[in-house]
Amino acid sequence: MHRICSLYLPFLCISSLAVVSAWPCITLCAKCRKNRLQASSSNVDEFSPTAIKGFPSSPGWKRGQLDNLTNWATAEESNVPIICEYEPDGWWLWTKWKGTVLSLTLTPVLLTVLVGVGVDVCVHYYSEDSWPLLAKPPIDNPIIQQLLGLNALWGYQVTLCTFILTFFTSEAYQHWKTVYFTTRRIQGRLNDVSMLVTMSAKENDLVETITRLLRLSHTFFWAATSTCSNGIGGRYFEEKEHDQQLPLEERLEHNQRSAIGPLLLSREGLDGLVKAEAITSEEAQALLTSGLPPSQYTYILLEWVGLYIFEGLELGLLGHSKANLNDSNDRKSNIETLIMTSSSNGLEENLLRQLSALRAEYFNIGDCAAGRMPLAYVQLVQVLVDSLVILAPFSLYSEMGSLSIPLTGLLTLFFKGLLELSKSFLDPFGNEGYPGQNIRVDVLVSELNFGVASRWSRAADAFPKARDV
């Protein structure tokens, strides 16, 4: 009997570890097969060729979505926070479920607890000795002696896994913070350009044109960026009571088909923006005939802003006009002219610096997504944590007996929770099925729309006239 058990337990341990390690590959194959079947049966007539070019995913939209996107692009108010906020009260935190590690690790915790129960039943069944339910198993038991060796190996793995996983979580959170503050710096540079133009412009028409193009550049950027937190596609998940229970395949499929960029940046979307007076018909036609894909419309508008600024400076509509110096007899007038010319040069340099910084911040979003974490590093952490969790029921039983069952679930919650939390930090826009840590793009758009369109212009209009001294 002991010989049978000595062969059975290692086989059970190795088989469980193999199933856990192979499960992502199984689900990936199922997802690929499902995507091929859907691709063969999909109706290509509902997609716009103009919208498809320049986007990595297959675009699609529901009827009536165009009005929602137009409102999304021009909104100046938001009624949700930019990220999921919390309250410091302990009881409030304990009662939260959606978007927490409790919901992310429910299935692994239950599986490891079931494995722990199976180990307890098997050891009691194949052992000739008997001991109380919550007592420590006898050390001289042959089965327990074999599990003691596994416990020693597991102890080394706990130390290694704790160190690596802690560092991995720190790096993942640093990535999330980098992306978040990059989105804020984009807003900052756009507000800087708008403020400088508003303060130095002599014509309201020029201010309105530049600020409108700035807003549209920002809107087009986020429309062309893959995200599940844009307030349009993400609304699908917000209506679900238990959004964490949705299959990953369903999330990814909906993210793909509810992408706002392919519609908003298509000919139909631009026509809708023309009707909303967010863009002129001439500008829309110029974008369509530019020869660049829709994902580059952001940078076309940004360059137009720079050209309008240069034109305004040359015509004296921004800053001070560059008048010629008078004769040397009028020294006071010449000094005033030099001061005004220097001021215009400083304004031009500052505006160009802000536009260049804005271009760099736009590019940083894509750079952060492309180089967030090497595959080998993430795979190593995944294998390390999975093997630690699946070996825990076997390793802890020799020292704790039946008490290892709840302890195994607790360890799974902590280690798998940290791993899933880290991967959610690496997915700041929820494209891979982690909606809990999303950065809300619709909030970014509405905040910027208000700042560029209203804040600085209203502040300039409220400026009191100077009194004569």
Foldseek 3Di string as FASTA:
>chain_A
DVVVVVVPVVVVLVVVLVCLLCVVVVVVVVLVVVVVVCVVPDDPVQADPQLVPPAPFGEAADPPVLVVLLCLLQFQDDDDDQADDDDPDPVRVVPDDPLALCLVQVVVLVVLLVVLVVVLVSCCVPWPDDDDQFDFDDCPTSLLVVLQVVLVVLVVLVVVLVVLLVVLLVLLLVLLVVLVVLLVLLLVLLLVLLQQQLVFFPDVVLSVLLLLLSLNLLSLLVLRDQFCQQVFLVVVLVPDPHSLPDDLSVLLVSSRHRRRNSCCLGLNNVVSNCVVVSDPPVLNVCVSPVPDRSNCVSVVSLVVSLVSLVVCQQVCRGQGHQDDADDVVPVVVNVVNVVSVVVSVVSNVVSVVSSVVSVVSSVVNVVSLVPVDDPVSLSVSSSSLSSSLSCQSSNCCNGGNSVSSVVSSVSSSVSVSSSVSSVLSSVQRCNRPNPNNHRRSSVSSSNSSCSSVPDSNVVVVPDDDDDDD
